[in-house]
C-alpha atoms as a PDB file:
ATOM      1  CA  UNK A   1      43.235  49.110 -62.837  1.00  0.00           C
ATOM      2  CA  UNK A   2      44.376  47.093 -59.766  1.00  0.00           C
ATOM      3  CA  UNK A   3      42.674  43.947 -58.561  1.00  0.00           C
ATOM      4  CA  UNK A   4      40.236  44.914 -55.725  1.00  0.00           C
ATOM      5  CA  UNK A   5      39.962  41.386 -54.253  1.00  0.00           C
ATOM      6  CA  UNK A   6      41.538  40.970 -50.826  1.00  0.00           C
ATOM      7  CA  UNK A   7      41.515  37.153 -50.748  1.00  0.00           C
ATOM      8  CA  UNK A   8      44.345  35.368 -52.479  1.00  0.00           C
ATOM      9  CA  UNK A   9      42.691  31.897 -51.958  1.00  0.00           C
ATOM     10  CA  UNK A  10      40.987  30.184 -54.845  1.00  0.00           C
ATOM     11  CA  UNK A  11      37.327  29.110 -54.625  1.00  0.00           C
ATOM     12  CA  UNK A  12      38.571  25.436 -54.505  1.00  0.00           C
ATOM     13  CA  UNK A  13      40.772  26.188 -51.475  1.00  0.00           C
ATOM     14  CA  UNK A  14      37.894  27.973 -49.730  1.00  0.00           C
ATOM     15  CA  UNK A  15      35.643  24.939 -50.416  1.00  0.00           C
ATOM     16  CA  UNK A  16      38.349  22.526 -49.093  1.00  0.00           C
ATOM     17  CA  UNK A  17      38.684  24.631 -45.942  1.00  0.00           C
ATOM     18  CA  UNK A  18      34.923  24.611 -45.349  1.00  0.00           C
ATOM     19  CA  UNK A  19      34.741  20.859 -45.942  1.00  0.00           C
ATOM     20  CA  UNK A  20      37.554  20.256 -43.383  1.00  0.00           C
ATOM     21  CA  UNK A  21      35.778  22.502 -40.889  1.00  0.00           C
ATOM     22  CA  UNK A  22      32.511  20.642 -41.289  1.00  0.00           C
ATOM     23  CA  UNK A  23      34.291  17.212 -40.913  1.00  0.00           C
ATOM     24  CA  UNK A  24      36.008  18.471 -37.699  1.00  0.00           C
ATOM     25  CA  UNK A  25      32.794  19.756 -36.323  1.00  0.00           C
ATOM     26  CA  UNK A  26      30.925  16.502 -37.156  1.00  0.00           C
ATOM     27  CA  UNK A  27      33.652  14.451 -35.512  1.00  0.00           C
ATOM     28  CA  UNK A  28      33.576  16.654 -32.393  1.00  0.00           C
ATOM     29  CA  UNK A  29      29.792  16.323 -32.204  1.00  0.00           C
ATOM     30  CA  UNK A  30      29.907  12.530 -32.500  1.00  0.00           C
ATOM     31  CA  UNK A  31      32.523  12.425 -29.749  1.00  0.00           C
ATOM     32  CA  UNK A  32      30.395  14.658 -27.497  1.00  0.00           C
ATOM     33  CA  UNK A  33      27.314  12.594 -28.079  1.00  0.00           C
ATOM     34  CA  UNK A  34      29.103   9.361 -27.348  1.00  0.00           C
ATOM     35  CA  UNK A  35      30.649  10.666 -24.112  1.00  0.00           C
ATOM     36  CA  UNK A  36      27.263  12.152 -22.988  1.00  0.00           C
ATOM     37  CA  UNK A  37      25.540   8.789 -23.582  1.00  0.00           C
ATOM     38  CA  UNK A  38      28.233   7.024 -21.494  1.00  0.00           C
ATOM     39  CA  UNK A  39      27.953   9.616 -18.716  1.00  0.00           C
ATOM     40  CA  UNK A  40      24.139   9.345 -18.676  1.00  0.00           C
ATOM     41  CA  UNK A  41      24.283   5.579 -18.626  1.00  0.00           C
ATOM     42  CA  UNK A  42      26.624   5.622 -15.631  1.00  0.00           C
ATOM     43  CA  UNK A  43      24.549   8.219 -13.845  1.00  0.00           C
ATOM     44  CA  UNK A  44      21.354   6.118 -14.392  1.00  0.00           C
ATOM     45  CA  UNK A  45      23.114   2.993 -13.034  1.00  0.00           C
ATOM     46  CA  UNK A  46      24.331   4.898  -9.951  1.00  0.00           C
ATOM     47  CA  UNK A  47      20.872   6.392  -9.223  1.00  0.00           C
ATOM     48  CA  UNK A  48      19.145   3.063  -9.736  1.00  0.00           C
ATOM     49  CA  UNK A  49      21.588   1.479  -7.287  1.00  0.00           C
ATOM     50  CA  UNK A  50      21.118   4.237  -4.737  1.00  0.00           C
ATOM     51  CA  UNK A  51      17.340   3.978  -4.980  1.00  0.00           C
ATOM     52  CA  UNK A  52      17.415   0.220  -4.538  1.00  0.00           C
ATOM     53  CA  UNK A  53      19.678   0.521  -1.529  1.00  0.00           C
ATOM     54  CA  UNK A  54      17.387   3.129   0.005  1.00  0.00           C
ATOM     55  CA  UNK A  55      14.347   0.926  -0.532  1.00  0.00           C
ATOM     56  CA  UNK A  56      16.077  -2.011   0.980  1.00  0.00           C
ATOM     57  CA  UNK A  57      17.072   0.049   4.031  1.00  0.00           C
ATOM     58  CA  UNK A  58      13.502   1.282   4.524  1.00  0.00           C
ATOM     59  CA  UNK A  59      12.125  -2.241   4.264  1.00  0.00           C
ATOM     60  CA  UNK A  60      14.732  -3.462   6.714  1.00  0.00           C
ATOM     61  CA  UNK A  61      14.238  -0.666   9.240  1.00  0.00           C
ATOM     62  CA  UNK A  62      10.748   0.839   8.711  1.00  0.00           C
ATOM     63  CA  UNK A  63      10.483   2.506  12.155  1.00  0.00           C
ATOM     64  CA  UNK A  64      13.868   4.165  11.835  1.00  0.00           C
ATOM     65  CA  UNK A  65      12.936   5.322   8.288  1.00  0.00           C
ATOM     66  CA  UNK A  66       9.620   6.771   9.567  1.00  0.00           C
ATOM     67  CA  UNK A  67      11.528   8.597  12.373  1.00  0.00           C
ATOM     68  CA  UNK A  68      14.036  10.029   9.940  1.00  0.00           C
ATOM     69  CA  UNK A  69      11.210  11.191   7.617  1.00  0.00           C
ATOM     70  CA  UNK A  70       9.320  12.790  10.491  1.00  0.00           C
ATOM     71  CA  UNK A  71      12.499  14.531  11.670  1.00  0.00           C
ATOM     72  CA  UNK A  72      13.208  15.842   8.145  1.00  0.00           C
ATOM     73  CA  UNK A  73       9.608  17.093   7.827  1.00  0.00           C
ATOM     74  CA  UNK A  74       9.819  18.761  11.275  1.00  0.00           C
ATOM     75  CA  UNK A  75      13.118  20.448  10.268  1.00  0.00           C
ATOM     76  CA  UNK A  76      11.599  21.758   7.040  1.00  0.00           C
ATOM     77  CA  UNK A  77       8.424  22.957   8.849  1.00  0.00           C
ATOM     78  CA  UNK A  78      10.546  24.622  11.528  1.00  0.00           C
ATOM     79  CA  UNK A  79      12.654  26.400   8.962  1.00  0.00           C
ATOM     80  CA  UNK A  80       9.582  27.529   7.015  1.00  0.00           C
ATOM     81  CA  UNK A  81       7.919  28.776  10.219  1.00  0.00           C
ATOM     82  CA  UNK A  82      11.088  30.650  11.308  1.00  0.00           C
ATOM     83  CA  UNK A  83      11.455  32.207   7.838  1.00  0.00           C
ATOM     84  CA  UNK A  84       7.784  33.311   7.863  1.00  0.00           C
ATOM     85  CA  UNK A  85       8.233  34.873  11.339  1.00  0.00           C
ATOM     86  CA  UNK A  86      11.321  36.745  10.115  1.00  0.00           C
ATOM     87  CA  UNK A  87       9.512  38.040   7.055  1.00  0.00           C
ATOM     88  CA  UNK A  88       6.438  39.022   9.035  1.00  0.00           C
ATOM     89  CA  UNK A  89       8.665  40.911  11.523  1.00  0.00           C
ATOM     90  CA  UNK A  90      10.170  42.856   8.634  1.00  0.00           C
ATOM     91  CA  UNK A  91       6.734  43.783   7.343  1.00  0.00           C
ATOM     92  CA  UNK A  92       5.426  45.163  10.684  1.00  0.00           C
ATOM     93  CA  UNK A  93       6.358  48.475  12.015  1.00  0.00           C
ATOM     94  CA  UNK A  94       9.186  48.581  14.499  1.00  0.00           C
ATOM     95  CA  UNK A  95       7.512  51.370  16.539  1.00  0.00           C
ATOM     96  CA  UNK A  96       5.243  48.986  18.299  1.00  0.00           C
ATOM     97  CA  UNK A  97       8.098  46.746  19.259  1.00  0.00           C
ATOM     98  CA  UNK A  98      10.162  49.735  20.465  1.00  0.00           C
ATOM     99  CA  UNK A  99       7.208  50.784  22.633  1.00  0.00           C
ATOM    100  CA  UNK A 100       7.016  47.283  24.168  1.00  0.00           C
ATOM    101  CA  UNK A 101      10.719  47.269  24.906  1.00  0.00           C
ATOM    102  CA  UNK A 102      10.651  50.713  26.577  1.00  0.00           C
ATOM    103  CA  UNK A 103       7.558  50.049  28.554  1.00  0.00           C
END
């Protein structure tokens, strides 16, 4: 009777292959963790520096900062109001508008 096994590798060779794959995966994981820590550290430094610069600018020019904040709030409020009007126009029937335009 013929041998029904399809693998010609020995169990020792399979074990060696698995061990090499595990070592490669562990090495790749360690590299990824190290690079991620470096990236996060640089990002934290950059964000901290940006926040400190913004705080210093606000302390140096408080009136201008208040004006910028008020302008940004007005822009957001205006956009929200415009969006709500557009959405409410879609919800109402267009027949009443068409009557007003004709009349």
